[in-house]
Amino acid sequence: MICEQRPTLSRRDFLRSSGAAGLVLGFACLPACRALTASPVDGPAPPVHAPFTPNAFIRVAPDNTVTIVCKHLEMGQGNTTGLATLAADELDADWSLVRTEYAPSDPKVYNNVFYGEMQITGGSTSIANSFMQMRSAGATARAMLVAAAANAWHVPAAEINTANSVLTHASGRRATYGEMAAAAGRLPVPKDVALKQPQHFTLIGKQNATPRVDSLSKCNGSAIYTIDVTLPGLLTAVIAFPPSFGAKVISFDSAEAMRVPGVADVVQVPEGVAVVGTGTWAVLKGRRALKVAWDESTGASLNSDAVLAQYRAQAQQPGVPFAQPADERLDMGVFVAAVPGQVINRRIGGAAEHRAARGQPARSRAQDPHHHRRTAGEPRYRRRSRQLARAAVLHRQARGRRLHV
């Protein structure tokens, strides 16, 4: 294999595993994203029967499947497929056997190297900051599998070929990655590995070579979004908003709404009237049955011409900053394009109780796997989320239950 460059990779950059767990690689190509391990840097890998966690980017199982851990989140831009492609190409993996999963919350390990110790997806940086990292992870996994086969077959590693998750030798010997995974996991991690030259790519930049890994689940409805999360006692809230700008609630009749099966309560909030219940369908039906009298006097004279004139007048005025970032070097304008795609939903409470019920320790905000998933587009939709949250909190205080809004 022709070497494009030979990055030096310290053993401190890797975690190793052996036994039935197959081959597990923990990798970071830059000091900013290295993880600390409890094992000696140059000592033998401790015998284990499960992968070291966190900091695993590559996992090769005995059944020949390859799991690639993606540190960036999929929001429709295709980076899950892209990140997996980078590693799979250098690994010479069979794309049909590649699986992906999201990294756990650990900004020291899975940070965006462009932003320092921050686990963030945004600014069109996912592929750019991970390009060398994921490729090197895949290349190192391949090198260890080749070394394992060379040891087993007593042949030079340079004579072994790899393609589609299979190792072959001119003598006729053949083994899948899964068959060599355990042996590879017992080997020391190489200090430097050769990366492919672009002309040798088989997946990167090749049209139709890597079908999107998220398309099927999104088409058949099996994909799980935040709004799909359910917990014991979880409730859902929707709001009946004013029909016009400035309209206020005069009164509301919740009798019909409360008769809808699944509706638990109806409460007034500053922005309108919220219907709370056990599921989305129930609260939507309850909102349709809700009768609200609105005072629309403040918007009676408002029309398109008046709004346009108001906009023109405001455009002549100097802008008023609504916030001053702590670091003036930050340019948040790059995130504006992602705003329209953000789903307006939020889960309120219940995380601590849920973890306690499963016998897991409480987590700080920094350890919360959902905490880092708040995207940079959040300021745009935060107001609507806050409106839903107010209704949820009111009902939660009254009933002492978890809510999903």
Protein backbone atom coordinates (compact mmCIF):
# COMPACT_ATOMS: atom_id res chain seq x y z
CA MET A 1 0.00 0.00 0.00
CA ILE A 2 1.39 3.40 -0.98
CA CYS A 3 1.75 5.75 1.94
CA GLU A 4 0.23 9.23 1.67
CA GLN A 5 1.73 10.22 5.01
CA ARG A 6 2.83 8.41 8.11
CA PRO A 7 1.33 10.02 11.18
CA THR A 8 3.02 9.09 14.43
CA LEU A 9 0.49 7.50 16.78
CA SER A 10 1.41 7.07 20.41
CA ARG A 11 0.17 4.00 22.20
CA ARG A 12 -1.39 6.42 24.61
CA ASP A 13 -3.83 7.09 21.77
CA PHE A 14 -5.25 3.58 21.87
CA LEU A 15 -7.19 1.21 24.07
CA ARG A 16 -6.87 -2.49 23.45
CA SER A 17 -9.07 -5.46 23.95
CA SER A 18 -8.74 -9.23 23.50
CA GLY A 19 -10.75 -12.41 23.76
CA ALA A 20 -14.29 -12.95 22.55
CA ALA A 21 -14.92 -9.25 22.37
CA GLY A 22 -13.02 -9.11 19.05
CA LEU A 23 -10.87 -6.16 18.08
CA VAL A 24 -11.57 -2.81 19.67
CA LEU A 25 -9.58 0.31 18.90
CA GLY A 26 -9.65 3.53 20.83
CA PHE A 27 -8.03 6.28 18.82
CA ALA A 28 -7.31 9.97 18.77
CA CYS A 29 -4.91 11.59 16.31
CA LEU A 30 -4.53 14.93 18.04
CA PRO A 31 -3.52 15.75 21.63
CA ALA A 32 -6.74 17.73 22.04
CA CYS A 33 -8.83 14.57 21.81
CA ARG A 34 -6.68 11.99 23.58
CA ALA A 35 -8.16 9.94 26.38
CA LEU A 36 -6.36 8.88 29.54
CA THR A 37 -6.28 5.20 30.37
CA ALA A 38 -5.71 3.42 33.64
CA SER A 39 -3.42 0.80 32.07
CA PRO A 40 0.34 1.32 31.62
CA VAL A 41 1.24 3.02 28.37
CA ASP A 42 3.74 0.41 27.18
CA GLY A 43 2.68 -2.57 29.24
CA PRO A 44 0.61 -5.50 27.99
CA ALA A 45 -3.07 -4.95 27.50
CA PRO A 46 -5.04 -6.23 30.47
CA PRO A 47 -7.18 -9.29 29.72
CA VAL A 48 -10.79 -8.26 29.41
CA HIS A 49 -13.98 -9.76 28.11
CA ALA A 50 -15.67 -6.53 27.05
CA PRO A 51 -14.50 -3.49 25.07
CA PHE A 52 -12.79 -0.68 26.85
CA THR A 53 -15.06 2.36 26.99
CA PRO A 54 -15.17 5.18 26.12
CA ASN A 55 -12.83 6.22 23.28
CA ALA A 56 -13.61 3.32 20.91
CA PHE A 57 -13.94 4.30 17.25
CA ILE A 58 -13.56 0.89 15.66
CA ARG A 59 -15.00 -2.43 16.80
CA VAL A 60 -14.62 -5.64 14.84
CA ALA A 61 -16.80 -8.48 16.06
CA PRO A 62 -16.28 -12.24 15.61
CA ASP A 63 -19.29 -12.28 13.26
CA ASN A 64 -17.29 -10.01 10.91
CA THR A 65 -19.41 -6.92 11.47
CA VAL A 66 -17.55 -3.66 11.87
CA THR A 67 -19.01 -1.03 14.18
CA ILE A 68 -17.83 2.53 13.66
CA VAL A 69 -18.53 4.99 16.45
CA CYS A 70 -19.38 8.47 15.18
CA LYS A 71 -18.67 11.42 17.44
CA HIS A 72 -20.92 13.76 15.44
CA LEU A 73 -24.71 13.68 15.29
CA GLU A 74 -26.82 13.05 12.24
CA MET A 75 -29.24 15.88 11.50
CA GLY A 76 -29.91 15.01 7.88
CA GLN A 77 -26.57 16.21 6.51
CA GLY A 78 -25.21 12.70 6.02
CA ASN A 79 -22.22 12.88 8.35
CA THR A 80 -22.89 9.48 9.94
CA THR A 81 -22.40 7.87 6.55
CA GLY A 82 -19.46 10.16 5.81
CA LEU A 83 -17.59 9.43 9.03
CA ALA A 84 -18.13 5.69 8.63
CA THR A 85 -16.89 5.90 5.04
CA LEU A 86 -13.59 7.45 6.14
CA ALA A 87 -12.80 4.62 8.54
CA ALA A 88 -14.24 1.83 6.40
CA ASP A 89 -12.19 2.79 3.35
CA GLU A 90 -8.88 2.67 5.21
CA LEU A 91 -9.98 -0.55 6.91
CA ASP A 92 -10.99 -2.13 3.57
CA ALA A 93 -14.25 -3.12 5.19
CA ASP A 94 -17.23 -4.64 3.44
CA TRP A 95 -19.75 -1.77 3.52
CA SER A 96 -22.65 -4.22 3.87
CA LEU A 97 -21.12 -5.35 7.19
CA VAL A 98 -20.53 -1.84 8.56
CA ARG A 99 -22.66 -0.67 11.47
CA THR A 100 -22.64 2.75 13.10
CA GLU A 101 -23.43 4.05 16.54
CA TYR A 102 -23.14 7.43 18.22
CA ALA A 103 -20.41 8.17 20.70
CA PRO A 104 -21.35 8.61 24.37
CA SER A 105 -21.06 11.99 26.01
CA ASP A 106 -17.38 12.59 26.71
CA PRO A 107 -15.97 15.86 25.35
CA LYS A 108 -12.44 14.94 26.44
CA VAL A 109 -12.51 12.01 24.04
CA TYR A 110 -15.06 12.78 21.34
CA ASN A 111 -14.52 16.50 21.08
CA ASN A 112 -14.69 18.51 17.88
CA VAL A 113 -11.00 19.23 17.44
CA PHE A 114 -11.75 22.57 15.78
CA TYR A 115 -13.50 23.85 18.91
CA GLY A 116 -11.32 22.44 21.67
CA GLU A 117 -12.87 20.41 24.46
CA MET A 118 -16.42 20.66 23.15
CA GLN A 119 -18.50 17.78 21.86
CA ILE A 120 -20.38 19.68 19.21
CA THR A 121 -21.85 19.12 15.76
CA GLY A 122 -22.11 22.31 13.72
CA GLY A 123 -20.48 24.75 11.36
CA SER A 124 -20.06 22.09 8.65
CA THR A 125 -17.02 20.77 10.54
CA SER A 126 -17.87 17.11 11.13
CA ILE A 127 -15.97 15.64 8.19
CA ALA A 128 -13.22 18.26 8.15
CA ASN A 129 -12.18 17.81 11.80
CA SER A 130 -12.56 14.03 11.68
CA PHE A 131 -10.97 13.33 8.28
CA MET A 132 -7.53 12.26 9.46
CA GLN A 133 -8.80 10.93 12.78
CA MET A 134 -11.25 8.42 11.32
CA ARG A 135 -8.98 7.42 8.44
CA SER A 136 -6.10 6.74 10.82
CA ALA A 137 -8.37 4.71 13.08
CA GLY A 138 -9.42 2.53 10.17
CA ALA A 139 -5.87 2.15 8.84
CA THR A 140 -4.58 1.11 12.25
CA ALA A 141 -7.30 -1.52 12.63
CA ARG A 142 -6.38 -2.92 9.23
CA ALA A 143 -2.68 -3.01 10.10
CA MET A 144 -3.38 -4.98 13.28
CA LEU A 145 -5.58 -7.48 11.44
CA VAL A 146 -2.90 -7.94 8.79
CA ALA A 147 -0.26 -8.45 11.49
CA ALA A 148 -2.43 -11.06 13.18
CA ALA A 149 -2.85 -12.95 9.92
CA ALA A 150 0.89 -12.73 9.19
CA ASN A 151 1.66 -14.24 12.59
CA ALA A 152 -0.89 -17.02 12.13
CA TRP A 153 0.21 -17.91 8.61
CA HIS A 154 3.96 -17.29 9.12
CA VAL A 155 4.19 -15.03 6.10
CA PRO A 156 5.34 -11.40 5.68
CA ALA A 157 2.62 -8.84 6.34
CA ALA A 158 3.42 -7.17 3.02
CA GLU A 159 2.19 -10.29 1.18
CA ILE A 160 -1.29 -10.13 2.72
CA ASN A 161 -4.09 -8.40 0.84
CA THR A 162 -7.31 -7.00 2.28
CA ALA A 163 -10.66 -6.32 0.64
CA ASN A 164 -14.30 -6.50 1.72
CA SER A 165 -13.39 -7.48 5.30
CA VAL A 166 -11.35 -10.48 4.15
CA LEU A 167 -7.60 -11.17 4.43
CA THR A 168 -5.98 -13.26 1.70
CA HIS A 169 -2.54 -14.60 0.78
CA ALA A 170 -1.17 -15.92 -2.51
CA SER A 171 -0.78 -19.36 -0.89
CA GLY A 172 -4.56 -19.64 -0.76
CA ARG A 173 -4.95 -18.83 2.91
CA ARG A 174 -8.02 -16.76 3.69
CA ALA A 175 -9.68 -15.36 6.83
CA THR A 176 -12.38 -12.87 7.60
CA TYR A 177 -11.73 -9.90 9.82
CA GLY A 178 -13.98 -11.47 12.42
CA GLU A 179 -11.88 -14.63 12.49
CA MET A 180 -8.72 -12.61 13.12
CA ALA A 181 -10.28 -10.05 15.46
CA ALA A 182 -9.38 -11.73 18.75
CA ALA A 183 -5.77 -12.31 17.71
CA ALA A 184 -5.45 -8.74 16.44
CA GLY A 185 -6.77 -7.42 19.72
CA ARG A 186 -3.85 -9.04 21.56
CA LEU A 187 -1.23 -7.26 19.50
CA PRO A 188 0.46 -3.98 20.40
CA VAL A 189 -0.94 -0.94 18.65
CA PRO A 190 1.45 0.21 15.89
CA LYS A 191 3.14 3.55 16.42
CA ASP A 192 2.53 4.71 12.87
CA VAL A 193 0.48 3.46 9.97
CA ALA A 194 0.35 4.11 6.26
CA LEU A 195 -2.71 5.85 4.85
CA LYS A 196 -4.02 5.32 1.35
CA GLN A 197 -3.19 7.66 -1.48
CA PRO A 198 -6.41 9.18 -2.87
CA GLN A 199 -6.15 7.16 -6.09
CA HIS A 200 -6.49 4.00 -4.02
CA PHE A 201 -9.75 4.99 -2.32
CA THR A 202 -12.52 2.46 -2.84
CA LEU A 203 -15.28 4.21 -0.88
CA ILE A 204 -14.27 7.83 -0.26
CA GLY A 205 -15.54 10.02 -3.08
CA LYS A 206 -17.05 7.11 -4.98
CA GLN A 207 -20.63 7.65 -6.08
CA ASN A 208 -23.13 5.06 -4.81
CA ALA A 209 -20.38 3.15 -3.01
CA THR A 210 -21.79 3.82 0.45
CA PRO A 211 -25.59 4.01 0.64
CA ARG A 212 -26.67 6.21 3.53
CA VAL A 213 -26.80 4.27 6.76
CA ASP A 214 -29.83 6.19 8.07
CA SER A 215 -32.11 6.06 5.02
CA LEU A 216 -33.85 2.77 5.76
CA SER A 217 -34.72 3.56 9.38
CA LYS A 218 -36.07 6.96 8.38
CA CYS A 219 -38.17 5.46 5.61
CA ASN A 220 -39.65 2.59 7.62
CA GLY A 221 -40.25 4.64 10.77
CA SER A 222 -37.86 2.76 13.02
CA ALA A 223 -35.55 5.77 13.56
CA ILE A 224 -35.79 7.09 17.12
CA TYR A 225 -35.94 10.84 17.64
CA THR A 226 -36.14 12.83 20.85
CA ILE A 227 -39.87 13.15 20.39
CA ASP A 228 -40.13 9.33 20.34
CA VAL A 229 -38.59 8.91 23.80
CA THR A 230 -40.95 7.48 26.38
CA LEU A 231 -40.53 6.94 30.11
CA PRO A 232 -42.88 5.71 32.82
CA GLY A 233 -45.34 8.48 33.68
CA LEU A 234 -44.27 10.68 30.77
CA LEU A 235 -46.83 13.22 29.61
CA THR A 236 -47.13 15.34 26.46
CA ALA A 237 -48.20 18.99 26.20
CA VAL A 238 -49.36 21.06 23.23
CA ILE A 239 -50.47 24.69 23.23
CA ALA A 240 -53.41 26.44 21.63
CA PHE A 241 -51.71 29.63 20.43
CA PRO A 242 -53.41 32.98 19.69
CA PRO A 243 -54.99 33.25 16.23
CA SER A 244 -53.41 36.67 15.65
CA PHE A 245 -50.53 38.84 16.88
CA GLY A 246 -51.11 40.26 20.32
CA ALA A 247 -54.29 38.28 21.00
CA LYS A 248 -54.94 37.38 24.66
CA VAL A 249 -57.00 34.68 26.32
CA ILE A 250 -60.32 36.00 27.66
CA SER A 251 -61.58 32.63 28.84
CA PHE A 252 -61.53 28.97 27.90
CA ASP A 253 -63.84 25.99 28.30
CA SER A 254 -61.95 22.74 28.86
CA ALA A 255 -64.96 20.49 29.41
CA GLU A 256 -64.91 18.84 25.96
CA ALA A 257 -61.14 18.59 25.94
CA MET A 258 -61.09 16.83 29.30
CA ARG A 259 -63.52 14.22 27.96
CA VAL A 260 -60.95 13.07 25.38
CA PRO A 261 -59.35 9.82 26.61
CA GLY A 262 -55.76 10.46 27.60
CA VAL A 263 -56.10 14.19 28.35
CA ALA A 264 -54.90 14.81 31.91
CA ASP A 265 -55.26 18.57 32.34
CA VAL A 266 -55.77 21.91 30.61
CA VAL A 267 -53.86 24.93 31.92
CA GLN A 268 -53.46 28.55 30.85
CA VAL A 269 -49.95 29.78 30.08
CA PRO A 270 -48.76 33.26 29.03
CA GLU A 271 -48.77 32.32 25.35
CA GLY A 272 -52.16 30.54 25.27
CA VAL A 273 -53.76 27.42 26.69
CA ALA A 274 -51.91 24.12 27.08
CA VAL A 275 -53.43 20.65 26.88
CA VAL A 276 -51.51 17.96 28.77
CA GLY A 277 -52.01 14.22 28.33
CA THR A 278 -50.57 10.77 27.89
CA GLY A 279 -49.69 11.00 24.22
CA THR A 280 -49.49 13.21 21.16
CA TRP A 281 -52.72 11.99 19.57
CA ALA A 282 -54.70 12.51 22.76
CA VAL A 283 -53.51 16.07 23.35
CA LEU A 284 -53.99 17.04 19.71
CA LYS A 285 -57.58 15.82 19.87
CA GLY A 286 -57.98 17.61 23.18
CA ARG A 287 -56.73 20.86 21.68
CA ARG A 288 -59.24 20.57 18.84
CA ALA A 289 -62.03 20.13 21.38
CA LEU A 290 -60.84 23.08 23.48
CA LYS A 291 -62.94 26.26 23.33
CA VAL A 292 -60.96 29.48 23.77
CA ALA A 293 -62.29 33.06 23.62
CA TRP A 294 -59.62 35.49 22.40
CA ASP A 295 -59.25 39.25 22.67
CA GLU A 296 -57.88 40.25 19.25
CA SER A 297 -58.41 43.98 19.59
CA THR A 298 -54.72 44.83 19.61
CA GLY A 299 -54.26 43.32 16.15
CA ALA A 300 -57.47 44.54 14.56
CA SER A 301 -55.73 47.26 12.52
CA LEU A 302 -52.79 45.10 11.51
CA ASN A 303 -52.50 44.24 7.81
CA SER A 304 -49.79 43.36 5.30
CA ASP A 305 -49.21 46.98 4.25
CA ALA A 306 -48.86 48.11 7.85
CA VAL A 307 -46.44 45.28 8.63
CA LEU A 308 -44.32 46.08 5.56
CA ALA A 309 -44.18 49.76 6.50
CA GLN A 310 -43.16 48.81 10.02
CA TYR A 311 -40.38 46.56 8.70
CA ARG A 312 -39.07 49.32 6.46
CA ALA A 313 -38.98 51.76 9.35
CA GLN A 314 -37.22 49.28 11.58
CA ALA A 315 -34.64 48.53 8.85
CA GLN A 316 -33.51 52.13 9.06
CA GLN A 317 -32.74 51.82 12.77
CA PRO A 318 -29.41 50.53 14.13
CA GLY A 319 -29.44 46.95 15.29
CA VAL A 320 -29.69 46.14 18.98
CA PRO A 321 -27.56 43.18 20.19
CA PHE A 322 -29.55 40.80 22.34
CA ALA A 323 -26.52 39.11 23.92
CA GLN A 324 -22.76 39.46 24.16
CA PRO A 325 -20.86 36.14 23.88
CA ALA A 326 -18.19 35.51 26.48
CA ASP A 327 -15.67 34.98 23.71
CA GLU A 328 -15.97 37.75 21.15
CA ARG A 329 -14.08 35.64 18.63
CA LEU A 330 -17.02 33.24 18.32
CA ASP A 331 -19.00 33.69 15.13
CA MET A 332 -22.38 32.05 15.59
CA GLY A 333 -23.64 33.22 12.18
CA VAL A 334 -22.47 29.99 10.56
CA PHE A 335 -25.23 28.09 12.33
CA VAL A 336 -28.15 30.06 10.92
CA ALA A 337 -28.66 27.71 7.96
CA ALA A 338 -29.29 24.75 10.28
CA VAL A 339 -32.07 26.46 12.21
CA PRO A 340 -35.07 25.49 10.01
CA GLY A 341 -34.33 21.80 10.46
CA GLN A 342 -34.50 21.75 14.25
CA VAL A 343 -37.35 19.75 15.75
CA ILE A 344 -39.39 21.72 18.27
CA ASN A 345 -39.70 19.25 21.13
CA ARG A 346 -38.17 18.84 24.55
CA ARG A 347 -38.29 16.28 27.34
CA ILE A 348 -38.81 17.86 30.76
CA GLY A 349 -37.41 16.08 33.80
CA GLY A 350 -37.40 12.40 34.55
CA ALA A 351 -33.75 11.67 33.64
CA ALA A 352 -32.51 11.37 37.20
CA GLU A 353 -35.46 9.20 38.22
CA HIS A 354 -35.02 7.03 35.14
CA ARG A 355 -31.33 6.45 35.84
CA ALA A 356 -32.06 5.72 39.50
CA ALA A 357 -34.68 3.14 38.51
CA ARG A 358 -32.06 1.37 36.41
CA GLY A 359 -29.53 1.44 39.24
CA GLN A 360 -27.27 3.93 37.46
CA PRO A 361 -25.47 6.83 39.19
CA ALA A 362 -26.68 10.38 38.73
CA ARG A 363 -25.02 12.40 35.97
CA SER A 364 -23.85 15.97 35.88
CA ARG A 365 -24.79 18.18 32.93
CA ALA A 366 -21.40 17.47 31.38
CA GLN A 367 -22.04 13.72 31.57
CA ASP A 368 -25.59 13.89 30.24
CA PRO A 369 -25.63 12.25 26.78
CA HIS A 370 -28.40 14.61 25.71
CA HIS A 371 -26.74 17.75 27.04
CA HIS A 372 -24.23 18.06 24.19
CA ARG A 373 -26.92 17.37 21.62
CA ARG A 374 -28.43 20.81 22.00
CA THR A 375 -27.51 22.25 18.62
CA ALA A 376 -26.30 25.71 17.88
CA GLY A 377 -29.63 26.47 16.23
CA GLU A 378 -31.37 26.27 19.58
CA PRO A 379 -31.71 30.04 20.20
CA ARG A 380 -34.09 30.22 17.23
CA TYR A 381 -36.53 27.69 18.57
CA ARG A 382 -35.82 28.04 22.28
CA ARG A 383 -38.75 30.42 22.72
CA ARG A 384 -41.26 27.84 21.48
CA SER A 385 -39.65 25.14 23.63
CA ARG A 386 -39.86 27.45 26.62
CA GLN A 387 -43.55 27.98 25.95
CA LEU A 388 -44.14 24.25 25.97
CA ALA A 389 -41.96 23.86 29.02
CA ARG A 390 -44.02 26.37 31.00
CA ALA A 391 -47.16 24.34 30.43
CA ALA A 392 -45.31 21.17 31.35
CA VAL A 393 -43.86 22.61 34.53
CA LEU A 394 -47.22 23.93 35.66
CA HIS A 395 -48.77 20.52 35.30
CA ARG A 396 -45.75 18.74 36.73
CA GLN A 397 -45.87 20.89 39.83
CA ALA A 398 -49.54 20.12 40.22
CA ARG A 399 -49.32 16.41 39.53
CA GLY A 400 -45.69 15.53 40.27
CA ARG A 401 -45.22 13.71 37.00
CA ARG A 402 -42.69 13.74 34.18
CA LEU A 403 -43.65 15.47 30.95
CA HIS A 404 -42.65 15.35 27.33
CA VAL A 405 -43.30 18.57 25.44
